[in-house]
Amino acid sequence: MNWDAIGAIAELMAAVGVIISLVFVGIQVRKSNTEARLATIQATTDTEVIMVSTLADHAETWNKVHTGQPLEGDVEVRRGIVLFNLLMIDYENRYHHFLAGNLDERSWNNRLIVLDLVVALPIFKLWRKSLGARSRGADFLDLIDGKASKTDAAS
């Protein structure tokens, strides 16, 4: 066998090896993406369970916040703002997971429907002036401020 034939066979084997490697990497990337999405779903569920538990611990205040009733006294107002901030932290987290592709569009769109209602609550304006609101990302604040301005224009 001549050296040209041996060289051609080696190149063919190398090309096949590269193709096999690319297929393997593609499978691993797909598996990794699936695992990231599942981890996001689990983390979202865990966060929601903790949030519901926290809101249940402060049910009287949260009921007033949720129904738009006036909060009584500085302590209850502060508690209402803190509880609302927890909700906004969760929303921002989901927003960034959606942008990163780890949260499906249907789930995010369902959250946006609820967010329209949330920014219409009286506590939103109080929260928006709080330190908790100032610690949220500018892109998320732009999103919710846009929703709030649409709500204000509709009323």
Foldseek 3Di string as FASTA:
>chain_A
DDPVVVVVVVVVVVVVVVVVVVVVVVVVVVVVLVVLLVVVVVVLVVLVVVLVVVCVVVVVLVVCQLVQNDFPDPVSLVVNLVNLLSVLVSLLVVVVCVVVVSYDPVVNVVVVVVLLSNLLHPNNVVNCPDPSVVPGDPVSVVVSVVSNVVVVVVD
